[in-house]
């Protein structure tokens, strides 16, 4: 099967999840009773102030951080530890510097025991998918930051994850490269349609990429708001200059203010959200 065909897609259920970090007297609550349902193939971004538990929640979904309360399910199975079906991309790549781009991407299939010819062919195809044909034999140090992140994404996607977790993957890139990588990610996602949970500090990035945006409160992180970014797809970077995009961005800025909990919730229509004091429409699948 081609590596660019539809991958297994994951349904995520985050049910009243709380997460403690640290030990003993140094422990603290990072996330408190957070709930969120994510449909298979959906793209959800997470916004919130520094230290609110965004990356902690992502680490729990990856299986690296245990939850202290509630349930965390992927395709109805509890998350009990890391698994290749839940791939994660960090802000800084984790490529092996002594291996070429092709060898880095093929490393996962190698660990699974795939024959050499098969894994290298799959890796080459995945590198082509992220626009790196011709760079298969380059080492990470010979690639730009954007190219390194493309190799990193290919390295994760070749495992055909049900769930792709991305922790500010473009945060270290310059503005122009970042825009290019956002468009590339949407292009890849439109073909593989795996579920994506994307952590970012950038409101523009969240609204441009995602179907929905979870806005978290300061620590301990709770759900402040779940905003639908219901712009048509496919999306072009010109979307970020449109009046409706700017309006929604201002509303997100209001929700991220330190005193947002003391203010009435703004009306977020026509994107399917309720006005202050009204119950929010529950999305079902």
Protein backbone atom coordinates (compact mmCIF):
# COMPACT_ATOMS: atom_id res chain seq x y z
CA UNK A 1 0.00 0.00 0.00
CA UNK A 2 1.26 3.49 -0.85
CA UNK A 3 2.46 5.49 2.14
CA UNK A 4 0.35 8.43 0.94
CA UNK A 5 -2.94 6.50 1.03
CA UNK A 6 -5.38 7.14 3.85
CA UNK A 7 -3.90 6.12 7.18
CA UNK A 8 -5.76 4.63 10.13
CA UNK A 9 -7.57 7.48 11.83
CA UNK A 10 -8.00 7.92 15.57
CA UNK A 11 -10.89 9.06 17.72
CA UNK A 12 -9.69 10.79 20.88
CA UNK A 13 -11.69 11.04 24.11
CA UNK A 14 -10.33 13.26 26.88
CA UNK A 15 -12.74 12.84 29.77
CA UNK A 16 -12.28 14.95 32.93
CA UNK A 17 -8.49 14.51 32.71
CA UNK A 18 -6.28 15.94 35.45
CA UNK A 19 -2.48 15.74 35.42
CA UNK A 20 -0.03 16.28 38.27
CA UNK A 21 3.64 17.06 37.69
CA UNK A 22 6.56 16.92 40.12
CA UNK A 23 6.95 14.89 43.30
CA UNK A 24 6.06 15.32 46.92
CA UNK A 25 6.02 18.91 48.13
CA UNK A 26 7.16 20.05 44.67
CA UNK A 27 4.15 18.58 42.89
CA UNK A 28 1.55 20.79 41.24
CA UNK A 29 -1.58 20.39 39.16
CA UNK A 30 -0.81 21.11 35.50
CA UNK A 31 -4.20 20.19 33.98
CA UNK A 32 -7.56 20.09 35.78
CA UNK A 33 -10.62 18.12 34.65
CA UNK A 34 -10.26 18.87 30.96
CA UNK A 35 -12.67 17.21 28.54
CA UNK A 36 -12.56 17.12 24.74
CA UNK A 37 -13.78 14.74 22.02
CA UNK A 38 -11.88 14.69 18.72
CA UNK A 39 -13.33 12.97 15.66
CA UNK A 40 -11.23 10.72 13.40
CA UNK A 41 -9.35 12.83 10.87
CA UNK A 42 -10.05 16.12 12.65
CA UNK A 43 -7.42 18.86 13.05
CA UNK A 44 -7.52 20.45 16.51
CA UNK A 45 -5.18 23.20 17.69
CA UNK A 46 -4.50 24.04 21.34
CA UNK A 47 -3.87 27.64 22.42
CA UNK A 48 -3.12 28.96 25.87
CA UNK A 49 -0.68 30.99 27.97
CA UNK A 50 2.77 29.62 28.76
CA UNK A 51 2.66 27.00 31.49
CA UNK A 52 -1.04 26.21 31.08
CA UNK A 53 -0.44 22.52 30.37
CA UNK A 54 -0.68 22.41 26.55
CA UNK A 55 2.50 20.38 26.09
CA UNK A 56 1.70 18.35 29.20
CA UNK A 57 -1.61 17.30 27.67
CA UNK A 58 0.17 16.41 24.43
CA UNK A 59 2.72 14.35 26.40
CA UNK A 60 -0.12 12.47 28.08
CA UNK A 61 -1.68 11.70 24.68
CA UNK A 62 1.70 10.43 23.50
CA UNK A 63 1.86 8.15 26.54
CA UNK A 64 4.89 9.80 28.14
CA UNK A 65 3.02 11.41 31.06
CA UNK A 66 0.47 9.53 33.20
CA UNK A 67 -2.87 11.13 34.02
CA UNK A 68 -3.82 11.59 37.65
CA UNK A 69 -7.56 11.49 37.08
CA UNK A 70 -10.13 10.99 34.35
CA UNK A 71 -9.84 8.94 31.17
CA UNK A 72 -7.66 9.34 28.08
CA UNK A 73 -8.74 7.11 25.18
CA UNK A 74 -7.65 6.67 21.57
CA UNK A 75 -10.04 4.51 19.56
CA UNK A 76 -11.69 3.50 22.85
CA UNK A 77 -8.42 2.08 24.24
CA UNK A 78 -6.79 3.71 27.28
CA UNK A 79 -3.43 5.38 26.65
CA UNK A 80 -0.98 3.42 28.81
CA UNK A 81 2.36 4.29 27.22
CA UNK A 82 4.07 5.32 23.97
CA UNK A 83 2.97 3.63 20.75
CA UNK A 84 3.92 4.17 17.07
CA UNK A 85 0.22 4.67 16.31
CA UNK A 86 0.57 8.00 18.15
CA UNK A 87 3.39 9.93 16.49
CA UNK A 88 4.79 13.16 17.93
CA UNK A 89 6.71 16.02 16.28
CA UNK A 90 8.53 18.48 18.55
CA UNK A 91 9.73 22.05 17.97
CA UNK A 92 13.29 20.77 17.54
CA UNK A 93 13.85 17.68 15.43
CA UNK A 94 14.99 14.39 16.92
CA UNK A 95 16.78 13.13 13.81
CA UNK A 96 19.85 10.94 14.18
CA UNK A 97 22.76 13.12 12.96
CA UNK A 98 24.82 10.17 11.69
CA UNK A 99 22.03 8.92 9.43
CA UNK A 100 20.93 10.39 6.11
CA UNK A 101 17.44 11.78 5.59
CA UNK A 102 16.42 8.52 3.92
CA UNK A 103 17.86 6.41 6.73
CA UNK A 104 16.16 8.57 9.39
CA UNK A 105 12.76 8.16 7.76
CA UNK A 106 13.31 4.42 7.27
CA UNK A 107 14.39 3.90 10.88
CA UNK A 108 10.91 3.09 12.23
CA UNK A 109 10.18 0.44 9.59
CA UNK A 110 13.67 -0.97 10.23
CA UNK A 111 12.81 -1.41 13.92
CA UNK A 112 9.64 -3.23 12.86
CA UNK A 113 11.71 -5.63 10.78
CA UNK A 114 10.67 -4.52 7.29
CA UNK A 115 12.99 -5.71 4.50
CA UNK A 116 15.61 -3.13 3.51
CA UNK A 117 14.42 -2.58 -0.07
CA UNK A 118 10.81 -2.14 1.05
CA UNK A 119 11.57 0.32 3.86
CA UNK A 120 13.91 2.44 1.72
CA UNK A 121 11.33 2.62 -1.08
CA UNK A 122 8.65 3.69 1.41
CA UNK A 123 11.01 6.26 2.94
CA UNK A 124 11.85 7.71 -0.46
CA UNK A 125 8.16 8.01 -1.28
CA UNK A 126 7.46 9.74 2.02
CA UNK A 127 10.33 12.19 1.45
CA UNK A 128 8.80 12.98 -1.92
CA UNK A 129 5.48 13.59 -0.18
CA UNK A 130 7.08 16.30 1.98
CA UNK A 131 8.89 17.81 -1.00
CA UNK A 132 12.40 16.47 -0.40
CA UNK A 133 13.08 14.35 -3.47
CA UNK A 134 16.77 14.70 -4.26
CA UNK A 135 17.77 15.17 -0.62
CA UNK A 136 17.59 11.52 0.42
CA UNK A 137 21.34 11.21 1.00
CA UNK A 138 21.83 14.48 2.87
CA UNK A 139 22.59 14.43 6.60
CA UNK A 140 20.55 16.60 9.01
CA UNK A 141 23.40 19.12 9.38
CA UNK A 142 23.30 19.65 5.61
CA UNK A 143 19.61 20.64 5.64
CA UNK A 144 17.88 23.90 6.54
CA UNK A 145 15.60 24.10 9.58
CA UNK A 146 12.50 23.75 7.44
CA UNK A 147 13.94 20.75 5.64
CA UNK A 148 14.86 19.12 8.94
CA UNK A 149 11.27 19.48 10.14
CA UNK A 150 10.00 18.00 6.87
CA UNK A 151 12.22 14.97 7.42
CA UNK A 152 10.92 14.78 11.00
CA UNK A 153 7.31 14.83 9.79
CA UNK A 154 8.09 12.15 7.19
CA UNK A 155 9.82 10.06 9.89
CA UNK A 156 6.62 10.11 11.95
CA UNK A 157 4.14 9.69 9.10
CA UNK A 158 5.83 6.61 7.66
CA UNK A 159 4.58 4.76 10.76
CA UNK A 160 1.01 5.57 9.63
CA UNK A 161 -0.09 6.98 12.98
CA UNK A 162 -3.75 7.17 13.91
CA UNK A 163 -2.93 10.32 15.83
CA UNK A 164 -0.32 12.94 14.91
CA UNK A 165 0.75 15.11 17.86
CA UNK A 166 2.64 18.32 17.06
CA UNK A 167 4.22 20.46 19.80
CA UNK A 168 4.97 23.86 18.25
CA UNK A 169 6.72 22.15 15.33
CA UNK A 170 7.31 25.40 13.42
CA UNK A 171 8.10 27.65 16.39
CA UNK A 172 11.84 27.80 15.70
CA UNK A 173 11.47 28.68 12.00
CA UNK A 174 11.58 32.11 10.38
CA UNK A 175 8.25 33.64 9.35
CA UNK A 176 8.47 32.82 5.64
CA UNK A 177 9.52 29.22 6.22
CA UNK A 178 6.83 28.85 8.86
CA UNK A 179 4.11 29.90 6.40
CA UNK A 180 5.47 27.46 3.82
CA UNK A 181 5.49 24.63 6.37
CA UNK A 182 1.90 25.38 7.43
CA UNK A 183 0.72 25.13 3.83
CA UNK A 184 2.74 21.95 3.32
CA UNK A 185 1.24 20.40 6.45
CA UNK A 186 -2.30 21.15 5.26
CA UNK A 187 -1.49 19.62 1.88
CA UNK A 188 -0.16 16.43 3.48
CA UNK A 189 -3.05 16.25 5.95
CA UNK A 190 -5.59 16.63 3.14
CA UNK A 191 -4.21 13.39 1.68
CA UNK A 192 -3.50 11.24 4.74
CA UNK A 193 -6.37 12.58 6.93
CA UNK A 194 -4.91 11.35 10.17
CA UNK A 195 -6.15 13.02 13.36
CA UNK A 196 -3.94 15.97 14.35
CA UNK A 197 -3.55 17.70 17.73
CA UNK A 198 -1.38 20.78 17.26
CA UNK A 199 0.01 22.90 20.13
CA UNK A 200 0.93 26.50 19.32
CA UNK A 201 1.24 29.98 20.86
CA UNK A 202 0.35 31.58 17.52
CA UNK A 203 -3.33 32.48 17.04
CA UNK A 204 -2.93 32.95 13.27
CA UNK A 205 -1.37 29.51 12.98
CA UNK A 206 -4.12 27.86 15.02
CA UNK A 207 -6.97 29.47 13.06
CA UNK A 208 -5.33 28.87 9.68
CA UNK A 209 -4.66 25.17 10.29
CA UNK A 210 -7.38 23.80 12.52
CA UNK A 211 -11.02 22.76 12.35
CA UNK A 212 -11.40 23.68 16.01
CA UNK A 213 -9.24 25.56 18.51
CA UNK A 214 -9.15 24.67 22.20
CA UNK A 215 -8.31 27.73 24.30
CA UNK A 216 -6.99 26.81 27.74
CA UNK A 217 -6.95 28.81 30.97
CA UNK A 218 -3.76 29.59 32.92
CA UNK A 219 -2.47 26.73 35.10
CA UNK A 220 -4.05 24.48 36.06
CA UNK A 221 -5.15 24.18 32.44
CA UNK A 222 -8.87 23.89 31.89
CA UNK A 223 -11.08 24.48 28.88
CA UNK A 224 -11.68 28.19 28.49
CA UNK A 225 -13.37 27.88 25.12
CA UNK A 226 -13.65 25.56 22.12
CA UNK A 227 -13.75 27.68 18.98
CA UNK A 228 -14.70 26.47 15.52
CA UNK A 229 -12.50 27.78 12.71
CA UNK A 230 -15.04 26.93 10.03
CA UNK A 231 -13.25 28.50 7.09
CA UNK A 232 -13.57 26.61 3.78
CA UNK A 233 -10.88 24.17 2.71
CA UNK A 234 -8.51 24.07 0.96
CA UNK A 235 -7.10 27.17 2.64
CA UNK A 236 -4.69 29.70 1.25
CA UNK A 237 -2.45 32.05 3.22
CA UNK A 238 -4.59 34.96 1.94
CA UNK A 239 -7.21 33.75 4.43
CA UNK A 240 -5.24 35.45 7.23
CA UNK A 241 -5.94 38.88 5.70
CA UNK A 242 -9.73 38.47 5.49
CA UNK A 243 -12.00 40.46 7.85
CA UNK A 244 -13.66 37.36 9.35
CA UNK A 245 -10.26 35.90 10.20
CA UNK A 246 -9.21 39.17 11.88
CA UNK A 247 -12.49 39.29 13.83
CA UNK A 248 -12.05 35.79 15.17
CA UNK A 249 -8.42 36.51 16.01
CA UNK A 250 -9.46 39.50 18.14
CA UNK A 251 -11.95 37.33 20.00
CA UNK A 252 -9.27 34.71 20.68
CA UNK A 253 -6.99 37.46 21.99
CA UNK A 254 -9.74 38.49 24.41
CA UNK A 255 -10.10 34.89 25.60
CA UNK A 256 -6.34 34.65 26.23
CA UNK A 257 -6.20 37.75 28.44
CA UNK A 258 -5.08 37.01 32.03
CA UNK A 259 -8.39 38.37 33.36
CA UNK A 260 -10.53 36.54 30.79
CA UNK A 261 -12.21 34.42 33.47
CA UNK A 262 -13.56 37.61 35.05
CA UNK A 263 -15.09 38.83 31.78
CA UNK A 264 -18.29 37.69 30.03
CA UNK A 265 -17.63 35.35 27.14
CA UNK A 266 -17.79 37.16 23.78
CA UNK A 267 -20.23 36.14 21.08
CA UNK A 268 -18.31 34.02 18.57
CA UNK A 269 -20.90 33.77 15.83
CA UNK A 270 -21.27 32.87 12.98
CA UNK A 271 -18.79 30.13 13.81
CA UNK A 272 -21.28 28.12 15.82
CA UNK A 273 -20.52 29.41 19.33
CA UNK A 274 -22.88 30.86 21.89
CA UNK A 275 -23.02 34.38 23.26
CA UNK A 276 -22.14 35.24 26.87
CA UNK A 277 -24.46 33.49 29.29
CA UNK A 278 -25.82 31.07 26.68
CA UNK A 279 -25.00 27.34 26.63
CA UNK A 280 -22.41 26.42 24.04
CA UNK A 281 -23.60 24.10 21.29
CA UNK A 282 -22.15 20.64 21.83
CA UNK A 283 -20.53 19.18 18.72
CA UNK A 284 -21.35 15.55 18.05
CA UNK A 285 -20.06 13.08 15.49
